[in-house]
Amino acid sequence: MLVIRLSRHGRTNLAFYRVVLSEHTKPVKYGYKEVLWSYDPVKHILKVDTDAIVSWIKKWAKPSERLAKILLKETKNELFNKFIEHRERKGVTKKEEKK
């Protein structure tokens, strides 16, 4: 199965990520088929060709949950919402614990 995910590159404390297409069994850093652009979390810059990502999704590639959240936030395209697992918080916060 093909997966669209983030591959970390850069150096310590100055990371950047490549948005890559790879087989789910391959290593993230070296086993990718295609680089689909990049993401810089320090400057909050996303350079992505969303048309290419959408076309790969239509060809049965699945984006990772983290990438789907970033793409939903940047593009507001509801297509990425179905790849996000919506969880309910079950734990008790420290403020509720003290009461």
N, C-alpha and C. Protein backbone atom coordinates (compact mmCIF):
# COMPACT_ATOMS: atom_id res chain seq x y z
N MET A 1 0.85 -1.17 0.00
CA MET A 1 0.00 0.00 0.00
C MET A 1 0.89 1.24 0.00
N LEU A 2 0.53 2.22 -0.81
CA LEU A 2 1.29 3.46 -0.87
C LEU A 2 0.83 4.42 0.22
N VAL A 3 1.81 5.10 0.82
CA VAL A 3 1.54 6.03 1.91
C VAL A 3 2.20 7.36 1.57
N ILE A 4 1.49 8.45 1.81
CA ILE A 4 2.06 9.79 1.69
C ILE A 4 2.36 10.24 3.11
N ARG A 5 3.64 10.49 3.39
CA ARG A 5 4.01 10.82 4.76
C ARG A 5 5.16 11.82 4.80
N LEU A 6 5.52 12.23 6.01
CA LEU A 6 6.60 13.19 6.21
C LEU A 6 7.90 12.44 6.47
N SER A 7 8.98 12.92 5.86
CA SER A 7 10.30 12.35 6.07
C SER A 7 11.20 13.45 6.62
N ARG A 8 11.74 13.24 7.83
CA ARG A 8 12.51 14.30 8.51
C ARG A 8 13.92 14.39 7.93
N HIS A 9 14.34 15.62 7.67
CA HIS A 9 15.69 15.89 7.21
C HIS A 9 16.19 17.13 7.94
N GLY A 10 17.42 17.53 7.68
CA GLY A 10 17.96 18.72 8.33
C GLY A 10 18.92 18.33 9.42
N ARG A 11 19.15 19.26 10.33
CA ARG A 11 20.07 19.00 11.43
C ARG A 11 19.36 19.20 12.76
N THR A 12 20.08 19.06 13.84
CA THR A 12 19.50 19.20 15.16
C THR A 12 18.93 20.60 15.35
N ASN A 13 17.72 20.66 15.82
CA ASN A 13 16.97 21.89 16.08
C ASN A 13 16.66 22.71 14.83
N LEU A 14 16.98 22.25 13.65
CA LEU A 14 16.62 22.92 12.40
C LEU A 14 16.10 21.88 11.42
N ALA A 15 15.03 21.26 11.78
CA ALA A 15 14.46 20.19 10.95
C ALA A 15 13.58 20.77 9.86
N PHE A 16 13.50 20.05 8.77
CA PHE A 16 12.49 20.28 7.76
C PHE A 16 12.03 18.92 7.29
N TYR A 17 10.85 18.87 6.73
CA TYR A 17 10.25 17.61 6.33
C TYR A 17 9.97 17.61 4.85
N ARG A 18 10.17 16.47 4.22
CA ARG A 18 9.76 16.27 2.85
C ARG A 18 8.46 15.48 2.85
N VAL A 19 7.54 15.87 2.00
CA VAL A 19 6.32 15.11 1.82
C VAL A 19 6.63 14.09 0.74
N VAL A 20 6.65 12.80 1.13
CA VAL A 20 7.11 11.76 0.21
C VAL A 20 6.03 10.70 0.01
N LEU A 21 6.10 10.06 -1.14
CA LEU A 21 5.24 8.92 -1.46
C LEU A 21 6.10 7.68 -1.36
N SER A 22 5.67 6.71 -0.54
CA SER A 22 6.48 5.51 -0.37
C SER A 22 5.59 4.31 -0.09
N GLU A 23 6.20 3.16 -0.19
CA GLU A 23 5.53 1.92 0.20
C GLU A 23 5.51 1.87 1.73
N HIS A 24 4.45 1.37 2.31
CA HIS A 24 4.33 1.41 3.77
C HIS A 24 5.36 0.54 4.48
N THR A 25 5.97 -0.40 3.81
CA THR A 25 6.97 -1.27 4.44
C THR A 25 8.38 -0.71 4.34
N LYS A 26 8.60 0.30 3.52
CA LYS A 26 9.94 0.86 3.32
C LYS A 26 10.29 1.84 4.43
N PRO A 27 11.59 2.06 4.69
CA PRO A 27 11.97 3.07 5.67
C PRO A 27 11.58 4.47 5.19
N VAL A 28 11.27 5.33 6.13
CA VAL A 28 10.75 6.65 5.80
C VAL A 28 11.81 7.50 5.10
N LYS A 29 13.04 7.42 5.57
CA LYS A 29 14.06 8.36 5.10
C LYS A 29 14.62 8.00 3.73
N TYR A 30 14.68 6.73 3.37
CA TYR A 30 15.36 6.35 2.14
C TYR A 30 14.50 5.59 1.14
N GLY A 31 13.37 5.07 1.55
CA GLY A 31 12.62 4.20 0.68
C GLY A 31 11.47 4.84 -0.05
N TYR A 32 11.60 6.09 -0.46
CA TYR A 32 10.46 6.74 -1.10
C TYR A 32 10.56 6.70 -2.61
N LYS A 33 9.39 6.78 -3.25
CA LYS A 33 9.31 6.74 -4.71
C LYS A 33 9.35 8.14 -5.31
N GLU A 34 8.72 9.10 -4.62
CA GLU A 34 8.59 10.44 -5.17
C GLU A 34 8.53 11.46 -4.04
N VAL A 35 9.17 12.60 -4.23
CA VAL A 35 9.09 13.72 -3.29
C VAL A 35 8.02 14.67 -3.80
N LEU A 36 7.02 14.91 -2.97
CA LEU A 36 5.88 15.73 -3.38
C LEU A 36 5.94 17.16 -2.86
N TRP A 37 6.98 17.62 -2.33
CA TRP A 37 7.27 18.96 -1.85
C TRP A 37 7.81 18.91 -0.43
N SER A 38 7.71 20.01 0.31
CA SER A 38 8.34 20.07 1.62
C SER A 38 7.51 20.87 2.61
N TYR A 39 7.88 20.73 3.90
CA TYR A 39 7.23 21.42 5.00
C TYR A 39 8.29 21.88 5.97
N ASP A 40 8.29 23.17 6.31
CA ASP A 40 9.24 23.73 7.27
C ASP A 40 8.47 24.11 8.54
N PRO A 41 8.61 23.32 9.61
CA PRO A 41 7.83 23.62 10.83
C PRO A 41 8.36 24.82 11.60
N VAL A 42 9.62 25.20 11.39
CA VAL A 42 10.18 26.34 12.10
C VAL A 42 9.55 27.64 11.60
N LYS A 43 9.44 27.78 10.28
CA LYS A 43 8.86 28.98 9.69
C LYS A 43 7.39 28.80 9.34
N HIS A 44 6.84 27.61 9.56
CA HIS A 44 5.45 27.26 9.25
C HIS A 44 5.12 27.49 7.77
N ILE A 45 6.01 26.99 6.91
CA ILE A 45 5.83 27.11 5.47
C ILE A 45 5.58 25.73 4.89
N LEU A 46 4.47 25.59 4.20
CA LEU A 46 4.12 24.33 3.55
C LEU A 46 4.16 24.56 2.04
N LYS A 47 5.08 23.86 1.37
CA LYS A 47 5.17 23.95 -0.09
C LYS A 47 4.69 22.61 -0.64
N VAL A 48 3.42 22.56 -1.01
CA VAL A 48 2.82 21.31 -1.45
C VAL A 48 1.98 21.54 -2.69
N ASP A 49 2.08 20.63 -3.63
CA ASP A 49 1.21 20.62 -4.79
C ASP A 49 0.01 19.74 -4.41
N THR A 50 -1.07 20.37 -3.94
CA THR A 50 -2.21 19.60 -3.45
C THR A 50 -2.87 18.79 -4.56
N ASP A 51 -2.77 19.26 -5.79
CA ASP A 51 -3.35 18.50 -6.91
C ASP A 51 -2.65 17.15 -7.06
N ALA A 52 -1.34 17.13 -6.89
CA ALA A 52 -0.59 15.87 -6.97
C ALA A 52 -0.97 14.93 -5.84
N ILE A 53 -1.13 15.49 -4.64
CA ILE A 53 -1.51 14.66 -3.49
C ILE A 53 -2.92 14.10 -3.67
N VAL A 54 -3.84 14.93 -4.13
CA VAL A 54 -5.21 14.47 -4.35
C VAL A 54 -5.25 13.40 -5.44
N SER A 55 -4.43 13.57 -6.48
CA SER A 55 -4.41 12.54 -7.53
C SER A 55 -3.85 11.23 -7.02
N TRP A 56 -2.84 11.27 -6.12
CA TRP A 56 -2.33 10.02 -5.55
C TRP A 56 -3.34 9.39 -4.59
N ILE A 57 -4.12 10.22 -3.89
CA ILE A 57 -5.15 9.68 -3.01
C ILE A 57 -6.22 8.98 -3.84
N LYS A 58 -6.55 9.52 -5.00
CA LYS A 58 -7.51 8.88 -5.88
C LYS A 58 -6.97 7.57 -6.46
N LYS A 59 -5.64 7.43 -6.47
CA LYS A 59 -5.02 6.18 -6.92
C LYS A 59 -4.75 5.25 -5.74
N TRP A 60 -5.47 5.41 -4.63
CA TRP A 60 -5.45 4.56 -3.44
C TRP A 60 -4.25 4.75 -2.54
N ALA A 61 -3.54 5.86 -2.62
CA ALA A 61 -2.50 6.16 -1.64
C ALA A 61 -3.18 6.78 -0.42
N LYS A 62 -2.63 6.53 0.76
CA LYS A 62 -3.24 7.03 1.98
C LYS A 62 -2.27 7.98 2.68
N PRO A 63 -2.69 9.22 3.02
CA PRO A 63 -1.79 10.11 3.75
C PRO A 63 -1.73 9.73 5.22
N SER A 64 -0.61 10.04 5.86
CA SER A 64 -0.51 9.80 7.30
C SER A 64 -1.43 10.77 8.03
N GLU A 65 -1.73 10.46 9.27
CA GLU A 65 -2.66 11.29 10.02
C GLU A 65 -2.08 12.68 10.27
N ARG A 66 -0.80 12.76 10.59
CA ARG A 66 -0.16 14.05 10.83
C ARG A 66 -0.19 14.92 9.56
N LEU A 67 0.13 14.33 8.43
CA LEU A 67 0.11 15.07 7.17
C LEU A 67 -1.32 15.49 6.82
N ALA A 68 -2.29 14.64 7.08
CA ALA A 68 -3.69 15.00 6.81
C ALA A 68 -4.12 16.18 7.66
N LYS A 69 -3.67 16.24 8.91
CA LYS A 69 -4.00 17.37 9.78
C LYS A 69 -3.38 18.66 9.27
N ILE A 70 -2.13 18.58 8.83
CA ILE A 70 -1.45 19.77 8.30
C ILE A 70 -2.12 20.24 7.02
N LEU A 71 -2.44 19.32 6.13
CA LEU A 71 -3.08 19.69 4.87
C LEU A 71 -4.49 20.24 5.08
N LEU A 72 -5.23 19.69 6.03
CA LEU A 72 -6.57 20.21 6.33
C LEU A 72 -6.48 21.63 6.86
N LYS A 73 -5.51 21.88 7.72
CA LYS A 73 -5.33 23.21 8.29
C LYS A 73 -4.93 24.23 7.23
N GLU A 74 -4.06 23.84 6.30
CA GLU A 74 -3.56 24.77 5.30
C GLU A 74 -4.54 24.97 4.13
N THR A 75 -5.16 23.89 3.65
CA THR A 75 -5.97 23.99 2.43
C THR A 75 -7.47 24.06 2.68
N LYS A 76 -7.93 23.69 3.86
CA LYS A 76 -9.36 23.65 4.20
C LYS A 76 -10.16 22.71 3.30
N ASN A 77 -9.49 21.70 2.73
CA ASN A 77 -10.13 20.72 1.86
C ASN A 77 -10.65 19.58 2.74
N GLU A 78 -11.94 19.32 2.71
CA GLU A 78 -12.56 18.32 3.57
C GLU A 78 -12.19 16.88 3.18
N LEU A 79 -11.54 16.69 2.05
CA LEU A 79 -11.08 15.36 1.65
C LEU A 79 -10.12 14.78 2.67
N PHE A 80 -9.29 15.64 3.28
CA PHE A 80 -8.28 15.17 4.23
C PHE A 80 -8.88 14.85 5.59
N ASN A 81 -10.10 15.29 5.84
CA ASN A 81 -10.73 15.08 7.14
C ASN A 81 -11.03 13.60 7.41
N LYS A 82 -11.25 12.82 6.37
CA LYS A 82 -11.59 11.41 6.58
C LYS A 82 -10.38 10.56 6.97
N PHE A 83 -9.17 11.11 6.86
CA PHE A 83 -7.96 10.38 7.25
C PHE A 83 -7.52 10.70 8.67
N ILE A 84 -8.28 11.55 9.35
CA ILE A 84 -7.96 11.93 10.72
C ILE A 84 -8.86 11.15 11.66
N GLU A 85 -8.25 10.52 12.65
CA GLU A 85 -9.02 9.77 13.64
C GLU A 85 -9.39 10.73 14.76
N HIS A 86 -10.67 10.98 14.92
CA HIS A 86 -11.15 11.91 15.94
C HIS A 86 -11.33 11.14 17.24
N ARG A 87 -10.55 11.51 18.25
CA ARG A 87 -10.57 10.82 19.54
C ARG A 87 -11.19 11.72 20.60
N GLU A 88 -11.88 11.09 21.54
CA GLU A 88 -12.42 11.82 22.67
C GLU A 88 -11.45 11.70 23.83
N ARG A 89 -11.31 12.78 24.56
CA ARG A 89 -10.44 12.75 25.72
C ARG A 89 -11.12 12.02 26.86
N LYS A 90 -10.43 11.07 27.44
CA LYS A 90 -11.00 10.30 28.54
C LYS A 90 -10.33 10.64 29.86
N GLY A 91 -9.15 11.19 29.79
CA GLY A 91 -8.39 11.48 31.00
C GLY A 91 -8.91 12.68 31.76
N VAL A 92 -8.42 12.83 32.97
CA VAL A 92 -8.79 13.95 33.83
C VAL A 92 -7.62 14.91 33.84
N THR A 93 -7.90 16.20 33.66
CA THR A 93 -6.85 17.20 33.70
C THR A 93 -6.41 17.46 35.14
N LYS A 94 -5.27 18.11 35.30
CA LYS A 94 -4.75 18.39 36.65
C LYS A 94 -5.66 19.38 37.39
N LYS A 95 -6.28 20.29 36.65
CA LYS A 95 -7.18 21.25 37.31
C LYS A 95 -8.41 20.54 37.85
N GLU A 96 -8.94 19.57 37.09
CA GLU A 96 -10.10 18.82 37.56
C GLU A 96 -9.73 17.90 38.71
N GLU A 97 -8.48 17.45 38.73
CA GLU A 97 -8.01 16.56 39.78
C GLU A 97 -7.96 17.28 41.13
N LYS A 98 -7.56 18.55 41.13
CA LYS A 98 -7.41 19.32 42.36
C LYS A 98 -8.74 19.69 42.98
N LYS A 99 -9.80 19.74 42.20
CA LYS A 99 -11.12 20.15 42.72
C LYS A 99 -11.72 19.12 43.59
